[in-house]
Amino acid sequence: MDRDKLFNRLSKTLSKADAVKIALDQACMPADLISLSLYPQNEIAFRASWVLEQFLYFRWADLVPYLPDFITSYLIQKNRSCQRHYTKIMMYLTDSTSVTETHSLITEYQEQVIEITFDWLIDPRTPVAVKVNCMDILLQFGKKQAWITDELRSQVQFLLKNGSAAVQSRGKRILKKLKS
């Protein structure tokens, strides 16, 4: 599917089945989705990010060559709705049990990813779903760098004071893992 056709598909409301169908289309390229996830029209960017997340589940091997582009886009993603899908993908990439081909790439960009992820976590305008995903991403980085664990613990404790049910649930789970 060329970029124009993809843009037209993303211009209309999508169901979950539609998002999966687009991701499964072998002519749909991750590079186009990454580019469109930075598009200034929020709805287009959101839908592109959502479909990109489906690549993680259904076409992982096709996404791998585009991971450097994804990480670069992660670092500049400003759309709060897109950040939800971006952090879900990043959670997978930073998971210590994920495939080893991503580990060197994550290490290469680690400082920038940690910085932007902490920025999203502490920003009061960041949606709850993004915040809780940020907690998991930083938990993974904390396994290699103790300072992250200390800072994450402090931030989670702060967020627990007035956090939503989702923040309470994930925050308590994160704090429990930090103790182990």
N, C-alpha and C. Protein backbone atom coordinates (compact mmCIF):
# COMPACT_ATOMS: atom_id res chain seq x y z
N MET A 1 0.85 -1.17 0.00
CA MET A 1 0.00 0.00 0.00
C MET A 1 0.90 1.23 0.00
N ASP A 2 0.71 2.08 -1.00
CA ASP A 2 1.55 3.27 -1.04
C ASP A 2 1.11 4.27 0.03
N ARG A 3 1.96 5.26 0.26
CA ARG A 3 1.73 6.22 1.34
C ARG A 3 0.40 6.96 1.17
N ASP A 4 0.05 7.33 -0.05
CA ASP A 4 -1.21 8.06 -0.28
C ASP A 4 -2.42 7.20 0.08
N LYS A 5 -2.38 5.94 -0.31
CA LYS A 5 -3.49 5.04 0.02
C LYS A 5 -3.56 4.83 1.54
N LEU A 6 -2.40 4.67 2.16
CA LEU A 6 -2.35 4.51 3.61
C LEU A 6 -2.91 5.76 4.30
N PHE A 7 -2.50 6.93 3.82
CA PHE A 7 -2.99 8.19 4.39
C PHE A 7 -4.52 8.25 4.30
N ASN A 8 -5.06 7.87 3.16
CA ASN A 8 -6.52 7.87 2.99
C ASN A 8 -7.20 6.91 3.96
N ARG A 9 -6.61 5.74 4.17
CA ARG A 9 -7.18 4.77 5.13
C ARG A 9 -7.14 5.32 6.55
N LEU A 10 -6.04 6.00 6.88
CA LEU A 10 -5.88 6.55 8.22
C LEU A 10 -6.71 7.82 8.43
N SER A 11 -7.24 8.37 7.36
CA SER A 11 -8.07 9.58 7.46
C SER A 11 -9.48 9.28 7.97
N LYS A 12 -9.82 8.01 8.00
CA LYS A 12 -11.15 7.60 8.43
C LYS A 12 -11.05 6.85 9.76
N THR A 13 -12.12 6.87 10.51
CA THR A 13 -12.17 6.16 11.78
C THR A 13 -11.86 4.68 11.56
N LEU A 14 -11.07 4.12 12.45
CA LEU A 14 -10.68 2.71 12.35
C LEU A 14 -11.18 1.94 13.56
N SER A 15 -11.55 0.70 13.31
CA SER A 15 -11.81 -0.23 14.41
C SER A 15 -10.51 -0.97 14.68
N LYS A 16 -10.49 -1.72 15.74
CA LYS A 16 -9.30 -2.54 16.05
C LYS A 16 -9.03 -3.50 14.89
N ALA A 17 -10.10 -4.10 14.37
CA ALA A 17 -9.95 -5.03 13.24
C ALA A 17 -9.36 -4.32 12.03
N ASP A 18 -9.77 -3.08 11.79
CA ASP A 18 -9.21 -2.30 10.68
C ASP A 18 -7.72 -2.06 10.88
N ALA A 19 -7.34 -1.69 12.11
CA ALA A 19 -5.93 -1.42 12.40
C ALA A 19 -5.09 -2.68 12.17
N VAL A 20 -5.60 -3.81 12.60
CA VAL A 20 -4.88 -5.07 12.40
C VAL A 20 -4.80 -5.41 10.90
N LYS A 21 -5.90 -5.21 10.20
CA LYS A 21 -5.94 -5.52 8.76
C LYS A 21 -4.91 -4.68 8.00
N ILE A 22 -4.81 -3.41 8.35
CA ILE A 22 -3.81 -2.56 7.69
C ILE A 22 -2.40 -3.07 8.01
N ALA A 23 -2.16 -3.41 9.26
CA ALA A 23 -0.83 -3.91 9.65
C ALA A 23 -0.49 -5.21 8.94
N LEU A 24 -1.49 -6.04 8.71
CA LEU A 24 -1.24 -7.32 8.05
C LEU A 24 -1.04 -7.19 6.54
N ASP A 25 -1.41 -6.06 5.99
CA ASP A 25 -1.24 -5.82 4.56
C ASP A 25 0.26 -5.74 4.27
N GLN A 26 0.77 -6.69 3.53
CA GLN A 26 2.22 -6.78 3.27
C GLN A 26 2.76 -5.56 2.54
N ALA A 27 1.90 -4.81 1.90
CA ALA A 27 2.35 -3.60 1.20
C ALA A 27 2.45 -2.40 2.14
N CYS A 28 1.96 -2.54 3.35
CA CYS A 28 2.05 -1.46 4.35
C CYS A 28 3.44 -1.49 4.96
N MET A 29 4.10 -0.34 4.92
CA MET A 29 5.48 -0.27 5.38
C MET A 29 5.60 0.49 6.71
N PRO A 30 6.37 -0.06 7.65
CA PRO A 30 6.57 0.64 8.93
C PRO A 30 7.12 2.06 8.76
N ALA A 31 7.96 2.29 7.76
CA ALA A 31 8.53 3.62 7.56
C ALA A 31 7.43 4.65 7.33
N ASP A 32 6.41 4.27 6.56
CA ASP A 32 5.30 5.19 6.31
C ASP A 32 4.52 5.46 7.59
N LEU A 33 4.30 4.42 8.38
CA LEU A 33 3.56 4.60 9.63
C LEU A 33 4.34 5.46 10.62
N ILE A 34 5.63 5.25 10.70
CA ILE A 34 6.47 6.05 11.60
C ILE A 34 6.40 7.51 11.18
N SER A 35 6.54 7.75 9.89
CA SER A 35 6.46 9.11 9.38
C SER A 35 5.09 9.73 9.67
N LEU A 36 4.03 9.00 9.40
CA LEU A 36 2.68 9.52 9.61
C LEU A 36 2.34 9.67 11.10
N SER A 37 3.03 8.94 11.95
CA SER A 37 2.78 9.08 13.39
C SER A 37 3.28 10.43 13.91
N LEU A 38 4.04 11.12 13.10
CA LEU A 38 4.52 12.46 13.44
C LEU A 38 3.75 13.54 12.68
N TYR A 39 2.73 13.14 11.97
CA TYR A 39 1.93 14.06 11.16
C TYR A 39 1.23 15.08 12.05
N PRO A 40 1.12 16.32 11.61
CA PRO A 40 0.53 17.35 12.47
C PRO A 40 -0.97 17.18 12.78
N GLN A 41 -1.68 16.45 11.94
CA GLN A 41 -3.10 16.21 12.23
C GLN A 41 -3.19 15.05 13.22
N ASN A 42 -3.65 15.34 14.43
CA ASN A 42 -3.62 14.38 15.54
C ASN A 42 -4.27 13.04 15.22
N GLU A 43 -5.40 13.05 14.53
CA GLU A 43 -6.11 11.80 14.25
C GLU A 43 -5.30 10.88 13.35
N ILE A 44 -4.68 11.46 12.33
CA ILE A 44 -3.83 10.68 11.41
C ILE A 44 -2.66 10.09 12.19
N ALA A 45 -2.00 10.93 12.97
CA ALA A 45 -0.84 10.48 13.74
C ALA A 45 -1.22 9.37 14.71
N PHE A 46 -2.35 9.54 15.41
CA PHE A 46 -2.81 8.53 16.36
C PHE A 46 -3.05 7.20 15.66
N ARG A 47 -3.78 7.23 14.56
CA ARG A 47 -4.10 5.97 13.85
C ARG A 47 -2.84 5.31 13.30
N ALA A 48 -1.90 6.11 12.81
CA ALA A 48 -0.64 5.55 12.32
C ALA A 48 0.12 4.87 13.46
N SER A 49 0.13 5.49 14.62
CA SER A 49 0.80 4.90 15.79
C SER A 49 0.13 3.61 16.22
N TRP A 50 -1.19 3.61 16.18
CA TRP A 50 -1.97 2.43 16.56
C TRP A 50 -1.67 1.27 15.63
N VAL A 51 -1.64 1.55 14.33
CA VAL A 51 -1.32 0.49 13.36
C VAL A 51 0.13 0.04 13.56
N LEU A 52 1.02 0.98 13.82
CA LEU A 52 2.42 0.64 14.06
C LEU A 52 2.54 -0.32 15.24
N GLU A 53 1.77 -0.07 16.28
CA GLU A 53 1.79 -0.99 17.43
C GLU A 53 1.37 -2.40 17.00
N GLN A 54 0.46 -2.51 16.06
CA GLN A 54 0.01 -3.82 15.59
C GLN A 54 1.13 -4.59 14.90
N PHE A 55 2.07 -3.85 14.30
CA PHE A 55 3.25 -4.50 13.71
C PHE A 55 4.01 -5.28 14.78
N LEU A 56 4.06 -4.72 15.97
CA LEU A 56 4.74 -5.38 17.08
C LEU A 56 4.16 -6.78 17.31
N TYR A 57 2.85 -6.90 17.21
CA TYR A 57 2.17 -8.16 17.50
C TYR A 57 2.07 -9.10 16.30
N PHE A 58 1.98 -8.54 15.10
CA PHE A 58 1.68 -9.37 13.94
C PHE A 58 2.78 -9.43 12.89
N ARG A 59 3.68 -8.44 12.85
CA ARG A 59 4.72 -8.43 11.81
C ARG A 59 6.05 -7.93 12.40
N TRP A 60 6.42 -8.50 13.52
CA TRP A 60 7.63 -8.09 14.21
C TRP A 60 8.85 -8.06 13.29
N ALA A 61 9.05 -9.11 12.54
CA ALA A 61 10.24 -9.19 11.69
C ALA A 61 10.28 -8.06 10.66
N ASP A 62 9.13 -7.61 10.21
CA ASP A 62 9.08 -6.49 9.26
C ASP A 62 9.35 -5.15 9.94
N LEU A 63 9.11 -5.08 11.24
CA LEU A 63 9.34 -3.84 11.99
C LEU A 63 10.81 -3.66 12.37
N VAL A 64 11.51 -4.75 12.64
CA VAL A 64 12.88 -4.69 13.16
C VAL A 64 13.81 -3.77 12.35
N PRO A 65 13.83 -3.84 11.01
CA PRO A 65 14.75 -2.95 10.28
C PRO A 65 14.46 -1.46 10.47
N TYR A 66 13.26 -1.14 10.93
CA TYR A 66 12.86 0.26 11.09
C TYR A 66 12.95 0.74 12.55
N LEU A 67 13.48 -0.09 13.42
CA LEU A 67 13.56 0.29 14.83
C LEU A 67 14.41 1.54 15.08
N PRO A 68 15.53 1.74 14.37
CA PRO A 68 16.25 3.01 14.58
C PRO A 68 15.37 4.22 14.26
N ASP A 69 14.58 4.14 13.20
CA ASP A 69 13.67 5.23 12.86
C ASP A 69 12.59 5.38 13.92
N PHE A 70 12.11 4.26 14.43
CA PHE A 70 11.10 4.32 15.48
C PHE A 70 11.67 5.01 16.72
N ILE A 71 12.87 4.63 17.13
CA ILE A 71 13.46 5.20 18.34
C ILE A 71 13.71 6.70 18.14
N THR A 72 14.18 7.08 16.97
CA THR A 72 14.37 8.50 16.68
C THR A 72 13.04 9.25 16.79
N SER A 73 11.98 8.65 16.30
CA SER A 73 10.66 9.27 16.39
C SER A 73 10.14 9.29 17.82
N TYR A 74 10.45 8.26 18.58
CA TYR A 74 10.08 8.22 20.00
C TYR A 74 10.61 9.45 20.72
N LEU A 75 11.83 9.81 20.39
CA LEU A 75 12.50 10.92 21.07
C LEU A 75 11.88 12.28 20.76
N ILE A 76 11.13 12.37 19.66
CA ILE A 76 10.54 13.66 19.27
C ILE A 76 9.01 13.63 19.25
N GLN A 77 8.42 12.52 19.65
CA GLN A 77 6.96 12.40 19.61
C GLN A 77 6.32 13.34 20.63
N LYS A 78 5.47 14.23 20.17
CA LYS A 78 4.80 15.21 21.04
C LYS A 78 3.32 14.89 21.22
N ASN A 79 2.76 14.11 20.34
CA ASN A 79 1.33 13.79 20.38
C ASN A 79 1.07 12.82 21.54
N ARG A 80 0.32 13.26 22.53
CA ARG A 80 0.05 12.46 23.73
C ARG A 80 -0.63 11.14 23.39
N SER A 81 -1.53 11.15 22.42
CA SER A 81 -2.20 9.90 22.04
C SER A 81 -1.24 8.92 21.40
N CYS A 82 -0.31 9.43 20.63
CA CYS A 82 0.69 8.57 19.99
C CYS A 82 1.68 8.02 21.02
N GLN A 83 1.96 8.80 22.04
CA GLN A 83 2.91 8.36 23.06
C GLN A 83 2.44 7.06 23.72
N ARG A 84 1.15 6.86 23.81
CA ARG A 84 0.63 5.61 24.40
C ARG A 84 1.11 4.41 23.59
N HIS A 85 0.98 4.48 22.29
CA HIS A 85 1.39 3.36 21.43
C HIS A 85 2.92 3.26 21.37
N TYR A 86 3.56 4.39 21.33
CA TYR A 86 5.02 4.40 21.33
C TYR A 86 5.58 3.75 22.59
N THR A 87 4.99 4.08 23.75
CA THR A 87 5.51 3.49 24.99
C THR A 87 5.21 2.00 25.06
N LYS A 88 4.12 1.56 24.48
CA LYS A 88 3.85 0.11 24.45
C LYS A 88 4.93 -0.61 23.66
N ILE A 89 5.29 -0.03 22.53
CA ILE A 89 6.35 -0.64 21.71
C ILE A 89 7.68 -0.60 22.47
N MET A 90 7.97 0.54 23.09
CA MET A 90 9.23 0.67 23.84
C MET A 90 9.27 -0.28 25.03
N MET A 91 8.12 -0.54 25.65
CA MET A 91 8.09 -1.52 26.75
C MET A 91 8.59 -2.87 26.24
N TYR A 92 8.16 -3.25 25.06
CA TYR A 92 8.59 -4.52 24.49
C TYR A 92 10.09 -4.48 24.18
N LEU A 93 10.54 -3.39 23.60
CA LEU A 93 11.95 -3.28 23.21
C LEU A 93 12.89 -3.31 24.41
N THR A 94 12.45 -2.77 25.54
CA THR A 94 13.32 -2.71 26.72
C THR A 94 13.15 -3.90 27.64
N ASP A 95 12.18 -4.73 27.38
CA ASP A 95 11.94 -5.90 28.23
C ASP A 95 13.16 -6.81 28.16
N SER A 96 13.66 -7.19 29.31
CA SER A 96 14.88 -8.01 29.36
C SER A 96 14.69 -9.37 28.71
N THR A 97 13.45 -9.79 28.52
CA THR A 97 13.20 -11.09 27.88
C THR A 97 12.93 -10.95 26.39
N SER A 98 12.94 -9.70 25.87
CA SER A 98 12.68 -9.51 24.44
C SER A 98 13.88 -10.01 23.64
N VAL A 99 13.70 -10.05 22.36
CA VAL A 99 14.72 -10.61 21.48
C VAL A 99 16.03 -9.82 21.56
N THR A 100 17.12 -10.52 21.46
CA THR A 100 18.44 -9.92 21.66
C THR A 100 18.81 -8.93 20.56
N GLU A 101 18.20 -9.01 19.39
CA GLU A 101 18.57 -8.08 18.31
C GLU A 101 18.25 -6.63 18.66
N THR A 102 17.40 -6.41 19.63
CA THR A 102 17.05 -5.04 20.01
C THR A 102 17.96 -4.48 21.10
N HIS A 103 18.65 -5.33 21.82
CA HIS A 103 19.42 -4.88 22.98
C HIS A 103 20.53 -3.90 22.62
N SER A 104 21.29 -4.15 21.57
CA SER A 104 22.37 -3.23 21.20
C SER A 104 21.80 -1.90 20.72
N LEU A 105 20.69 -1.96 20.02
CA LEU A 105 20.04 -0.74 19.55
C LEU A 105 19.55 0.11 20.72
N ILE A 106 18.92 -0.53 21.68
CA ILE A 106 18.43 0.18 22.86
C ILE A 106 19.60 0.77 23.64
N THR A 107 20.68 0.03 23.74
CA THR A 107 21.87 0.53 24.45
C THR A 107 22.41 1.77 23.77
N GLU A 108 22.39 1.78 22.45
CA GLU A 108 22.90 2.92 21.69
C GLU A 108 22.12 4.21 21.99
N TYR A 109 20.81 4.08 22.15
CA TYR A 109 19.94 5.25 22.37
C TYR A 109 19.50 5.39 23.83
N GLN A 110 20.05 4.60 24.68
CA GLN A 110 19.56 4.48 26.05
C GLN A 110 19.44 5.81 26.80
N GLU A 111 20.46 6.64 26.76
CA GLU A 111 20.42 7.89 27.52
C GLU A 111 19.27 8.79 27.07
N GLN A 112 19.09 8.91 25.76
CA GLN A 112 18.02 9.77 25.24
C GLN A 112 16.65 9.19 25.57
N VAL A 113 16.51 7.87 25.45
CA VAL A 113 15.23 7.23 25.74
C VAL A 113 14.89 7.39 27.22
N ILE A 114 15.86 7.20 28.08
CA ILE A 114 15.63 7.37 29.52
C ILE A 114 15.20 8.80 29.82
N GLU A 115 15.89 9.76 29.24
CA GLU A 115 15.57 11.17 29.50
C GLU A 115 14.15 11.52 29.07
N ILE A 116 13.78 11.15 27.85
CA ILE A 116 12.44 11.51 27.37
C ILE A 116 11.37 10.74 28.14
N THR A 117 11.66 9.51 28.51
CA THR A 117 10.69 8.71 29.26
C THR A 117 10.46 9.30 30.65
N PHE A 118 11.51 9.73 31.30
CA PHE A 118 11.35 10.42 32.58
C PHE A 118 10.57 11.73 32.39
N ASP A 119 10.86 12.45 31.32
CA ASP A 119 10.13 13.70 31.05
C ASP A 119 8.63 13.43 30.94
N TRP A 120 8.28 12.39 30.20
CA TRP A 120 6.85 12.05 30.06
C TRP A 120 6.26 11.62 31.40
N LEU A 121 7.01 10.87 32.18
CA LEU A 121 6.51 10.39 33.47
C LEU A 121 6.19 11.54 34.41
N ILE A 122 7.04 12.53 34.46
CA ILE A 122 6.85 13.61 35.44
C ILE A 122 5.96 14.75 34.93
N ASP A 123 5.68 14.78 33.65
CA ASP A 123 4.85 15.85 33.09
C ASP A 123 3.40 15.65 33.51
N PRO A 124 2.80 16.62 34.21
CA PRO A 124 1.42 16.46 34.67
C PRO A 124 0.40 16.35 33.53
N ARG A 125 0.78 16.77 32.33
CA ARG A 125 -0.15 16.68 31.19
C ARG A 125 -0.11 15.32 30.51
N THR A 126 0.82 14.48 30.88
CA THR A 126 0.94 13.16 30.26
C THR A 126 -0.23 12.28 30.70
N PRO A 127 -0.91 11.64 29.75
CA PRO A 127 -2.02 10.76 30.11
C PRO A 127 -1.56 9.59 30.99
N VAL A 128 -2.48 9.09 31.79
CA VAL A 128 -2.18 8.02 32.74
C VAL A 128 -1.61 6.79 32.03
N ALA A 129 -2.19 6.40 30.92
CA ALA A 129 -1.71 5.20 30.21
C ALA A 129 -0.24 5.34 29.81
N VAL A 130 0.15 6.52 29.42
CA VAL A 130 1.54 6.75 29.04
C VAL A 130 2.43 6.70 30.28
N LYS A 131 1.98 7.33 31.36
CA LYS A 131 2.76 7.34 32.61
C LYS A 131 3.05 5.92 33.10
N VAL A 132 2.02 5.08 33.12
CA VAL A 132 2.24 3.73 33.65
C VAL A 132 3.15 2.92 32.73
N ASN A 133 3.08 3.16 31.42
CA ASN A 133 4.01 2.49 30.51
C ASN A 133 5.43 2.99 30.74
N CYS A 134 5.57 4.29 31.01
CA CYS A 134 6.89 4.85 31.30
C CYS A 134 7.51 4.19 32.52
N MET A 135 6.68 3.91 33.52
CA MET A 135 7.18 3.23 34.72
C MET A 135 7.83 1.90 34.36
N ASP A 136 7.16 1.13 33.50
CA ASP A 136 7.70 -0.17 33.11
C ASP A 136 8.98 -0.04 32.29
N ILE A 137 9.02 0.93 31.40
CA ILE A 137 10.22 1.15 30.59
C ILE A 137 11.40 1.48 31.50
N LEU A 138 11.19 2.40 32.42
CA LEU A 138 12.27 2.81 33.32
C LEU A 138 12.67 1.70 34.28
N LEU A 139 11.72 0.87 34.66
CA LEU A 139 12.04 -0.29 35.50
C LEU A 139 13.05 -1.18 34.78
N GLN A 140 12.87 -1.39 33.49
CA GLN A 140 13.80 -2.23 32.72
C GLN A 140 15.19 -1.59 32.68
N PHE A 141 15.25 -0.28 32.44
CA PHE A 141 16.55 0.39 32.41
C PHE A 141 17.20 0.37 33.80
N GLY A 142 16.39 0.40 34.83
CA GLY A 142 16.91 0.40 36.20
C GLY A 142 17.64 -0.87 36.57
N LYS A 143 17.41 -1.94 35.84
CA LYS A 143 18.11 -3.19 36.11
C LYS A 143 19.60 -3.07 35.80
N LYS A 144 19.94 -2.08 34.97
CA LYS A 144 21.34 -1.89 34.59
C LYS A 144 21.97 -0.66 35.22
N GLN A 145 21.14 0.27 35.68
CA GLN A 145 21.66 1.51 36.24
C GLN A 145 20.90 1.84 37.52
N ALA A 146 21.58 1.78 38.64
CA ALA A 146 20.95 1.94 39.96
C ALA A 146 20.31 3.32 40.14
N TRP A 147 20.90 4.36 39.57
CA TRP A 147 20.34 5.70 39.76
C TRP A 147 18.92 5.79 39.22
N ILE A 148 18.64 5.03 38.18
CA ILE A 148 17.29 5.04 37.60
C ILE A 148 16.30 4.46 38.60
N THR A 149 16.70 3.38 39.24
CA THR A 149 15.84 2.75 40.25
C THR A 149 15.50 3.74 41.36
N ASP A 150 16.49 4.46 41.84
CA ASP A 150 16.26 5.43 42.92
C ASP A 150 15.31 6.53 42.47
N GLU A 151 15.56 7.07 41.29
CA GLU A 151 14.71 8.16 40.77
C GLU A 151 13.31 7.65 40.45
N LEU A 152 13.22 6.47 39.88
CA LEU A 152 11.91 5.90 39.57
C LEU A 152 11.12 5.68 40.84
N ARG A 153 11.74 5.14 41.86
CA ARG A 153 11.07 4.92 43.15
C ARG A 153 10.48 6.24 43.67
N SER A 154 11.28 7.29 43.63
CA SER A 154 10.82 8.61 44.11
C SER A 154 9.65 9.12 43.29
N GLN A 155 9.74 9.00 41.99
CA GLN A 155 8.67 9.49 41.13
C GLN A 155 7.38 8.69 41.32
N VAL A 156 7.50 7.38 41.44
CA VAL A 156 6.31 6.54 41.64
C VAL A 156 5.67 6.87 42.98
N GLN A 157 6.46 7.02 44.01
CA GLN A 157 5.90 7.37 45.32
C GLN A 157 5.16 8.70 45.26
N PHE A 158 5.71 9.65 44.54
CA PHE A 158 5.05 10.95 44.37
C PHE A 158 3.73 10.78 43.62
N LEU A 159 3.76 10.00 42.54
CA LEU A 159 2.54 9.81 41.73
C LEU A 159 1.45 9.05 42.49
N LEU A 160 1.85 8.19 43.42
CA LEU A 160 0.88 7.42 44.19
C LEU A 160 0.04 8.30 45.12
N LYS A 161 0.56 9.46 45.49
CA LYS A 161 -0.14 10.33 46.43
C LYS A 161 -1.52 10.73 45.93
N ASN A 162 -1.63 11.08 44.67
CA ASN A 162 -2.91 11.52 44.11
C ASN A 162 -3.23 10.81 42.81
N GLY A 163 -2.63 9.66 42.59
CA GLY A 163 -2.78 8.98 41.31
C GLY A 163 -4.11 8.28 41.13
N SER A 164 -4.45 8.08 39.88
CA SER A 164 -5.66 7.36 39.51
C SER A 164 -5.52 5.88 39.89
N ALA A 165 -6.59 5.14 39.68
CA ALA A 165 -6.56 3.71 39.99
C ALA A 165 -5.47 3.00 39.19
N ALA A 166 -5.31 3.38 37.94
CA ALA A 166 -4.28 2.76 37.09
C ALA A 166 -2.87 3.07 37.62
N VAL A 167 -2.66 4.32 38.03
CA VAL A 167 -1.37 4.70 38.58
C VAL A 167 -1.12 3.96 39.90
N GLN A 168 -2.14 3.85 40.73
CA GLN A 168 -2.02 3.14 42.00
C GLN A 168 -1.63 1.67 41.76
N SER A 169 -2.35 1.04 40.85
CA SER A 169 -2.11 -0.38 40.59
C SER A 169 -0.71 -0.62 40.03
N ARG A 170 -0.36 0.08 38.96
CA ARG A 170 0.95 -0.13 38.34
C ARG A 170 2.06 0.37 39.25
N GLY A 171 1.83 1.50 39.91
CA GLY A 171 2.85 2.05 40.80
C GLY A 171 3.20 1.09 41.92
N LYS A 172 2.20 0.48 42.54
CA LYS A 172 2.46 -0.48 43.62
C LYS A 172 3.21 -1.70 43.09
N ARG A 173 2.85 -2.14 41.89
CA ARG A 173 3.54 -3.28 41.29
C ARG A 173 5.01 -2.93 41.00
N ILE A 174 5.23 -1.72 40.51
CA ILE A 174 6.60 -1.28 40.22
C ILE A 174 7.41 -1.20 41.51
N LEU A 175 6.84 -0.61 42.55
CA LEU A 175 7.55 -0.50 43.83
C LEU A 175 7.87 -1.87 44.40
N LYS A 176 6.96 -2.81 44.24
CA LYS A 176 7.20 -4.18 44.72
C LYS A 176 8.38 -4.80 43.96
N LYS A 177 8.42 -4.58 42.65
CA LYS A 177 9.53 -5.11 41.85
C LYS A 177 10.85 -4.43 42.19
N LEU A 178 10.78 -3.17 42.55
CA LEU A 178 12.01 -2.44 42.92
C LEU A 178 12.61 -2.97 44.22
N LYS A 179 11.76 -3.53 45.08
CA LYS A 179 12.24 -4.09 46.36
C LYS A 179 12.93 -5.43 46.16
N SER A 180 12.54 -6.17 45.12
CA SER A 180 13.10 -7.51 44.93
C SER A 180 14.53 -7.47 44.46
